[in-house]
């Protein structure tokens, strides 16, 4: 019998201060449902957005309770790192993370990552992810986009990140806000190869109205 300890390899989910925290909740739920380990980083600005969009106060000291209230997930497979904790595991390239998903990504977070500022743990982990050549998905949630942000997004693409705007597709037949959110969350997971059943995939048949024949 092998006595080797299995190494935990999480996906780091970074939640920045852009509107769109339901996207983050959907991604976290789907990762946990797929049996993936999750490391969570919530920026200080994102706490205000979570409070504004859900009425939930996300607190470092009570993150398990608050995360379950926000997403409905069992926190057994989730590890939380405070945004100001630069000694956190994912801040080092030797930490065995699979990659990082920034959902949603504010224009400020986009700029910080593109420029390598590392002003908080979220940006630091993104920089580490890029330098280690691990998958980085940046789900930007802002409209319209100005020229500076577009340049930052091009820079992220050049560095190997996947720039994935939070743009729901209507061909999947979604008619509710939850279905639109799940579509975007599903595309985020598609970008890193995590299986899910969040939306109906296109199969080349017109006029199905979202109904599988």
C-alpha atoms as a PDB file:
ATOM      1  CA  UNK A   1       0.000   0.000   0.000  1.00  0.00           C
ATOM      2  CA  UNK A   2       1.360   3.417  -0.963  1.00  0.00           C
ATOM      3  CA  UNK A   3       2.099   5.764   1.923  1.00  0.00           C
ATOM      4  CA  UNK A   4       2.585   8.805  -0.303  1.00  0.00           C
ATOM      5  CA  UNK A   5       0.499  11.770   0.730  1.00  0.00           C
ATOM      6  CA  UNK A   6      -1.768  13.056  -2.009  1.00  0.00           C
ATOM      7  CA  UNK A   7      -0.935  16.665  -2.829  1.00  0.00           C
ATOM      8  CA  UNK A   8      -3.901  19.015  -2.788  1.00  0.00           C
ATOM      9  CA  UNK A   9      -4.003  21.001  -6.059  1.00  0.00           C
ATOM     10  CA  UNK A  10      -6.623  23.741  -5.904  1.00  0.00           C
ATOM     11  CA  UNK A  11      -7.970  26.226  -8.365  1.00  0.00           C
ATOM     12  CA  UNK A  12      -7.559  29.717  -6.946  1.00  0.00           C
ATOM     13  CA  UNK A  13     -10.725  31.791  -7.376  1.00  0.00           C
ATOM     14  CA  UNK A  14     -10.111  35.507  -7.053  1.00  0.00           C
ATOM     15  CA  UNK A  15     -13.123  37.757  -6.543  1.00  0.00           C
ATOM     16  CA  UNK A  16     -12.486  41.437  -7.269  1.00  0.00           C
ATOM     17  CA  UNK A  17     -14.699  44.455  -6.729  1.00  0.00           C
ATOM     18  CA  UNK A  18     -16.558  44.507 -10.044  1.00  0.00           C
ATOM     19  CA  UNK A  19     -20.289  43.980 -10.137  1.00  0.00           C
ATOM     20  CA  UNK A  20     -21.029  40.339 -10.911  1.00  0.00           C
ATOM     21  CA  UNK A  21     -20.465  38.389  -7.706  1.00  0.00           C
ATOM     22  CA  UNK A  22     -23.158  35.860  -8.803  1.00  0.00           C
ATOM     23  CA  UNK A  23     -20.645  34.731 -11.457  1.00  0.00           C
ATOM     24  CA  UNK A  24     -18.108  33.980  -8.726  1.00  0.00           C
ATOM     25  CA  UNK A  25     -20.676  32.082  -6.671  1.00  0.00           C
ATOM     26  CA  UNK A  26     -21.641  29.965  -9.694  1.00  0.00           C
ATOM     27  CA  UNK A  27     -18.005  29.149 -10.490  1.00  0.00           C
ATOM     28  CA  UNK A  28     -17.297  28.150  -6.894  1.00  0.00           C
ATOM     29  CA  UNK A  29     -20.399  25.933  -6.774  1.00  0.00           C
ATOM     30  CA  UNK A  30     -19.467  24.216 -10.035  1.00  0.00           C
ATOM     31  CA  UNK A  31     -15.840  23.619  -9.007  1.00  0.00           C
ATOM     32  CA  UNK A  32     -16.938  22.051  -5.730  1.00  0.00           C
ATOM     33  CA  UNK A  33     -19.560  19.960  -7.556  1.00  0.00           C
ATOM     34  CA  UNK A  34     -16.832  18.714  -9.915  1.00  0.00           C
ATOM     35  CA  UNK A  35     -14.756  17.569  -6.941  1.00  0.00           C
ATOM     36  CA  UNK A  36     -12.128  20.272  -7.398  1.00  0.00           C
ATOM     37  CA  UNK A  37     -10.321  21.879  -4.474  1.00  0.00           C
ATOM     38  CA  UNK A  38     -10.764  25.649  -4.254  1.00  0.00           C
ATOM     39  CA  UNK A  39      -8.609  28.375  -2.724  1.00  0.00           C
ATOM     40  CA  UNK A  40     -10.560  31.603  -2.371  1.00  0.00           C
ATOM     41  CA  UNK A  41      -9.278  35.187  -2.331  1.00  0.00           C
ATOM     42  CA  UNK A  42     -11.820  37.990  -1.919  1.00  0.00           C
ATOM     43  CA  UNK A  43     -10.530  41.535  -2.362  1.00  0.00           C
ATOM     44  CA  UNK A  44     -11.540  44.284   0.042  1.00  0.00           C
ATOM     45  CA  UNK A  45     -13.546  45.993  -2.696  1.00  0.00           C
ATOM     46  CA  UNK A  46     -15.282  42.693  -3.491  1.00  0.00           C
ATOM     47  CA  UNK A  47     -16.593  42.492   0.068  1.00  0.00           C
ATOM     48  CA  UNK A  48     -18.479  45.728  -0.522  1.00  0.00           C
ATOM     49  CA  UNK A  49     -19.858  44.396  -3.791  1.00  0.00           C
ATOM     50  CA  UNK A  50     -20.974  41.120  -2.184  1.00  0.00           C
ATOM     51  CA  UNK A  51     -22.720  43.115   0.529  1.00  0.00           C
ATOM     52  CA  UNK A  52     -24.369  45.393  -2.028  1.00  0.00           C
ATOM     53  CA  UNK A  53     -25.496  42.577  -4.356  1.00  0.00           C
ATOM     54  CA  UNK A  54     -26.463  39.937  -1.788  1.00  0.00           C
ATOM     55  CA  UNK A  55     -26.794  41.634   1.607  1.00  0.00           C
ATOM     56  CA  UNK A  56     -24.128  39.265   2.988  1.00  0.00           C
ATOM     57  CA  UNK A  57     -21.173  40.632   4.956  1.00  0.00           C
ATOM     58  CA  UNK A  58     -18.158  38.527   3.964  1.00  0.00           C
ATOM     59  CA  UNK A  59     -15.795  38.409   6.957  1.00  0.00           C
ATOM     60  CA  UNK A  60     -12.347  36.860   7.360  1.00  0.00           C
ATOM     61  CA  UNK A  61     -13.128  35.441  10.790  1.00  0.00           C
ATOM     62  CA  UNK A  62     -16.432  33.921   9.671  1.00  0.00           C
ATOM     63  CA  UNK A  63     -15.666  33.105   6.047  1.00  0.00           C
ATOM     64  CA  UNK A  64     -17.013  29.534   6.199  1.00  0.00           C
ATOM     65  CA  UNK A  65     -20.426  30.654   7.420  1.00  0.00           C
ATOM     66  CA  UNK A  66     -20.505  33.588   5.010  1.00  0.00           C
ATOM     67  CA  UNK A  67     -19.361  31.530   2.011  1.00  0.00           C
ATOM     68  CA  UNK A  68     -22.046  28.909   2.626  1.00  0.00           C
ATOM     69  CA  UNK A  69     -24.689  31.615   2.935  1.00  0.00           C
ATOM     70  CA  UNK A  70     -23.445  33.262  -0.267  1.00  0.00           C
ATOM     71  CA  UNK A  71     -22.930  30.185  -2.459  1.00  0.00           C
ATOM     72  CA  UNK A  72     -24.639  27.303  -0.677  1.00  0.00           C
ATOM     73  CA  UNK A  73     -21.501  25.126  -0.854  1.00  0.00           C
ATOM     74  CA  UNK A  74     -20.042  22.846   1.786  1.00  0.00           C
ATOM     75  CA  UNK A  75     -16.740  24.519   2.626  1.00  0.00           C
ATOM     76  CA  UNK A  76     -14.902  21.245   3.231  1.00  0.00           C
ATOM     77  CA  UNK A  77     -12.996  21.498  -0.054  1.00  0.00           C
ATOM     78  CA  UNK A  78     -12.420  25.248   0.170  1.00  0.00           C
ATOM     79  CA  UNK A  79      -9.524  27.161   1.736  1.00  0.00           C
ATOM     80  CA  UNK A  80      -9.718  30.898   2.270  1.00  0.00           C
ATOM     81  CA  UNK A  81      -6.872  33.427   2.195  1.00  0.00           C
ATOM     82  CA  UNK A  82      -7.288  37.028   3.339  1.00  0.00           C
ATOM     83  CA  UNK A  83      -6.599  39.664   0.672  1.00  0.00           C
ATOM     84  CA  UNK A  84      -3.814  41.239   2.732  1.00  0.00           C
ATOM     85  CA  UNK A  85      -2.024  37.965   3.517  1.00  0.00           C
ATOM     86  CA  UNK A  86       1.089  38.108   1.350  1.00  0.00           C
ATOM     87  CA  UNK A  87       2.479  35.059   3.185  1.00  0.00           C
ATOM     88  CA  UNK A  88      -0.441  32.951   1.901  1.00  0.00           C
ATOM     89  CA  UNK A  89       0.357  29.710   0.129  1.00  0.00           C
ATOM     90  CA  UNK A  90      -0.722  30.790  -3.378  1.00  0.00           C
ATOM     91  CA  UNK A  91       1.610  33.818  -3.222  1.00  0.00           C
ATOM     92  CA  UNK A  92       4.505  31.440  -3.948  1.00  0.00           C
ATOM     93  CA  UNK A  93       5.196  29.651  -7.191  1.00  0.00           C
ATOM     94  CA  UNK A  94       6.027  26.504  -5.241  1.00  0.00           C
ATOM     95  CA  UNK A  95       2.433  26.250  -4.027  1.00  0.00           C
ATOM     96  CA  UNK A  96       0.776  23.514  -6.118  1.00  0.00           C
ATOM     97  CA  UNK A  97      -2.161  25.465  -7.545  1.00  0.00           C
ATOM     98  CA  UNK A  98      -3.652  24.334 -10.856  1.00  0.00           C
ATOM     99  CA  UNK A  99      -4.319  27.891 -11.968  1.00  0.00           C
ATOM    100  CA  UNK A 100      -6.435  30.931 -11.208  1.00  0.00           C
ATOM    101  CA  UNK A 101      -9.868  32.244 -12.179  1.00  0.00           C
ATOM    102  CA  UNK A 102     -10.571  35.930 -11.526  1.00  0.00           C
ATOM    103  CA  UNK A 103     -14.364  36.182 -11.471  1.00  0.00           C
ATOM    104  CA  UNK A 104     -15.462  38.920 -11.803  1.00  0.00           C
ATOM    105  CA  UNK A 105     -12.432  40.957 -12.797  1.00  0.00           C
ATOM    106  CA  UNK A 106     -12.665  44.715 -12.288  1.00  0.00           C
ATOM    107  CA  UNK A 107     -10.754  47.084 -14.551  1.00  0.00           C
ATOM    108  CA  UNK A 108      -8.578  47.916 -11.548  1.00  0.00           C
ATOM    109  CA  UNK A 109      -7.685  44.252 -11.072  1.00  0.00           C
ATOM    110  CA  UNK A 110      -7.047  43.917 -14.809  1.00  0.00           C
ATOM    111  CA  UNK A 111      -4.644  46.873 -14.710  1.00  0.00           C
ATOM    112  CA  UNK A 112      -2.858  45.614 -11.595  1.00  0.00           C
ATOM    113  CA  UNK A 113      -2.292  42.157 -13.043  1.00  0.00           C
ATOM    114  CA  UNK A 114      -1.275  43.422 -16.485  1.00  0.00           C
ATOM    115  CA  UNK A 115       1.268  45.800 -14.952  1.00  0.00           C
ATOM    116  CA  UNK A 116       2.499  43.329 -12.320  1.00  0.00           C
ATOM    117  CA  UNK A 117       1.648  45.636  -9.417  1.00  0.00           C
ATOM    118  CA  UNK A 118       0.774  42.910  -6.862  1.00  0.00           C
ATOM    119  CA  UNK A 119      -0.895  45.459  -4.592  1.00  0.00           C
ATOM    120  CA  UNK A 120      -2.924  42.738  -2.841  1.00  0.00           C
ATOM    121  CA  UNK A 121      -2.983  38.945  -2.672  1.00  0.00           C
ATOM    122  CA  UNK A 122      -5.339  38.617  -5.633  1.00  0.00           C
ATOM    123  CA  UNK A 123      -2.949  40.477  -7.915  1.00  0.00           C
ATOM    124  CA  UNK A 124       0.073  38.678  -6.460  1.00  0.00           C
ATOM    125  CA  UNK A 125      -1.430  35.250  -7.098  1.00  0.00           C
ATOM    126  CA  UNK A 126      -2.302  36.261 -10.663  1.00  0.00           C
ATOM    127  CA  UNK A 127       1.301  37.358 -11.252  1.00  0.00           C
ATOM    128  CA  UNK A 128       2.563  34.061  -9.849  1.00  0.00           C
ATOM    129  CA  UNK A 129       0.125  32.165 -12.058  1.00  0.00           C
ATOM    130  CA  UNK A 130       1.460  33.928 -15.150  1.00  0.00           C
ATOM    131  CA  UNK A 131       5.124  33.463 -14.293  1.00  0.00           C
ATOM    132  CA  UNK A 132       4.591  29.772 -13.590  1.00  0.00           C
ATOM    133  CA  UNK A 133       2.768  29.404 -16.942  1.00  0.00           C
ATOM    134  CA  UNK A 134      -0.382  28.135 -15.269  1.00  0.00           C
ATOM    135  CA  UNK A 135      -3.883  28.825 -16.621  1.00  0.00           C
ATOM    136  CA  UNK A 136      -5.246  32.266 -15.770  1.00  0.00           C
ATOM    137  CA  UNK A 137      -8.790  33.237 -16.741  1.00  0.00           C
ATOM    138  CA  UNK A 138      -9.778  36.887 -16.402  1.00  0.00           C
ATOM    139  CA  UNK A 139     -13.566  37.276 -16.496  1.00  0.00           C
ATOM    140  CA  UNK A 140     -13.784  41.011 -17.017  1.00  0.00           C
ATOM    141  CA  UNK A 141     -17.124  42.602 -16.089  1.00  0.00           C
ATOM    142  CA  UNK A 142     -17.265  46.180 -17.269  1.00  0.00           C
ATOM    143  CA  UNK A 143     -18.881  48.081 -20.116  1.00  0.00           C
ATOM    144  CA  UNK A 144     -17.995  50.082 -22.084  1.00  0.00           C
ATOM    145  CA  UNK A 145     -14.234  49.497 -22.071  1.00  0.00           C
ATOM    146  CA  UNK A 146     -11.877  52.400 -22.592  1.00  0.00           C
ATOM    147  CA  UNK A 147      -8.633  52.276 -24.551  1.00  0.00           C
ATOM    148  CA  UNK A 148      -6.415  51.865 -21.500  1.00  0.00           C
ATOM    149  CA  UNK A 149      -8.304  48.809 -20.273  1.00  0.00           C
ATOM    150  CA  UNK A 150      -8.309  47.324 -23.769  1.00  0.00           C
ATOM    151  CA  UNK A 151      -4.519  47.675 -23.862  1.00  0.00           C
ATOM    152  CA  UNK A 152      -4.280  45.961 -20.479  1.00  0.00           C
ATOM    153  CA  UNK A 153      -6.452  43.093 -21.724  1.00  0.00           C
ATOM    154  CA  UNK A 154      -4.282  42.706 -24.822  1.00  0.00           C
ATOM    155  CA  UNK A 155      -1.241  42.617 -22.552  1.00  0.00           C
ATOM    156  CA  UNK A 156      -2.815  39.865 -20.453  1.00  0.00           C
ATOM    157  CA  UNK A 157      -3.559  37.892 -23.603  1.00  0.00           C
ATOM    158  CA  UNK A 158       0.046  38.338 -24.697  1.00  0.00           C
ATOM    159  CA  UNK A 159       1.217  36.990 -21.338  1.00  0.00           C
ATOM    160  CA  UNK A 160      -0.915  33.866 -21.772  1.00  0.00           C
ATOM    161  CA  UNK A 161      -4.085  34.678 -19.868  1.00  0.00           C
ATOM    162  CA  UNK A 162      -7.546  33.890 -21.223  1.00  0.00           C
ATOM    163  CA  UNK A 163      -9.570  37.099 -21.406  1.00  0.00           C
ATOM    164  CA  UNK A 164     -13.195  36.042 -20.993  1.00  0.00           C
ATOM    165  CA  UNK A 165     -15.752  38.875 -20.865  1.00  0.00           C
ATOM    166  CA  UNK A 166     -18.874  38.142 -18.809  1.00  0.00           C
ATOM    167  CA  UNK A 167     -21.036  37.917 -21.935  1.00  0.00           C
ATOM    168  CA  UNK A 168     -23.879  35.377 -21.761  1.00  0.00           C
ATOM    169  CA  UNK A 169     -24.892  33.548 -24.928  1.00  0.00           C
ATOM    170  CA  UNK A 170     -28.606  33.273 -25.649  1.00  0.00           C
ATOM    171  CA  UNK A 171     -28.377  30.270 -27.977  1.00  0.00           C
ATOM    172  CA  UNK A 172     -28.276  27.992 -24.925  1.00  0.00           C
ATOM    173  CA  UNK A 173     -31.939  28.833 -24.311  1.00  0.00           C
ATOM    174  CA  UNK A 174     -31.538  30.514 -20.949  1.00  0.00           C
ATOM    175  CA  UNK A 175     -34.438  32.724 -19.948  1.00  0.00           C
ATOM    176  CA  UNK A 176     -33.608  33.530 -16.305  1.00  0.00           C
ATOM    177  CA  UNK A 177     -30.855  35.529 -14.677  1.00  0.00           C
ATOM    178  CA  UNK A 178     -29.550  32.332 -13.023  1.00  0.00           C
ATOM    179  CA  UNK A 179     -29.250  30.622 -16.422  1.00  0.00           C
ATOM    180  CA  UNK A 180     -27.380  33.607 -17.869  1.00  0.00           C
ATOM    181  CA  UNK A 181     -25.005  33.565 -14.913  1.00  0.00           C
ATOM    182  CA  UNK A 182     -24.472  29.819 -15.250  1.00  0.00           C
ATOM    183  CA  UNK A 183     -23.633  30.222 -18.948  1.00  0.00           C
ATOM    184  CA  UNK A 184     -20.774  32.588 -18.162  1.00  0.00           C
ATOM    185  CA  UNK A 185     -19.591  30.416 -15.263  1.00  0.00           C
ATOM    186  CA  UNK A 186     -19.644  27.417 -17.587  1.00  0.00           C
ATOM    187  CA  UNK A 187     -17.511  29.204 -20.156  1.00  0.00           C
ATOM    188  CA  UNK A 188     -14.998  30.043 -17.425  1.00  0.00           C
ATOM    189  CA  UNK A 189     -14.755  26.356 -16.519  1.00  0.00           C
ATOM    190  CA  UNK A 190     -14.556  25.385 -20.205  1.00  0.00           C
ATOM    191  CA  UNK A 191     -11.452  27.562 -20.500  1.00  0.00           C
ATOM    192  CA  UNK A 192      -9.617  25.393 -17.963  1.00  0.00           C
ATOM    193  CA  UNK A 193     -11.125  22.028 -18.845  1.00  0.00           C
ATOM    194  CA  UNK A 194     -13.278  21.462 -15.756  1.00  0.00           C
ATOM    195  CA  UNK A 195     -16.388  19.394 -16.607  1.00  0.00           C
ATOM    196  CA  UNK A 196     -19.813  20.790 -15.768  1.00  0.00           C
ATOM    197  CA  UNK A 197     -23.453  20.810 -16.846  1.00  0.00           C
ATOM    198  CA  UNK A 198     -24.184  24.488 -16.421  1.00  0.00           C
ATOM    199  CA  UNK A 199     -25.578  25.178 -19.899  1.00  0.00           C
ATOM    200  CA  UNK A 200     -26.773  23.489 -23.083  1.00  0.00           C
ATOM    201  CA  UNK A 201     -23.969  23.249 -25.618  1.00  0.00           C
ATOM    202  CA  UNK A 202     -24.370  24.211 -29.245  1.00  0.00           C
ATOM    203  CA  UNK A 203     -24.831  21.128 -31.451  1.00  0.00           C
ATOM    204  CA  UNK A 204     -25.459  22.765 -34.810  1.00  0.00           C
ATOM    205  CA  UNK A 205     -29.244  22.585 -34.785  1.00  0.00           C
ATOM    206  CA  UNK A 206     -31.147  25.827 -35.353  1.00  0.00           C
ATOM    207  CA  UNK A 207     -34.540  26.615 -33.892  1.00  0.00           C
ATOM    208  CA  UNK A 208     -34.426  24.346 -30.842  1.00  0.00           C
ATOM    209  CA  UNK A 209     -35.107  27.276 -28.538  1.00  0.00           C
ATOM    210  CA  UNK A 210     -32.863  25.787 -25.883  1.00  0.00           C
ATOM    211  CA  UNK A 211     -34.661  22.441 -25.900  1.00  0.00           C
ATOM    212  CA  UNK A 212     -32.635  19.322 -26.548  1.00  0.00           C
ATOM    213  CA  UNK A 213     -34.390  17.123 -29.123  1.00  0.00           C
END
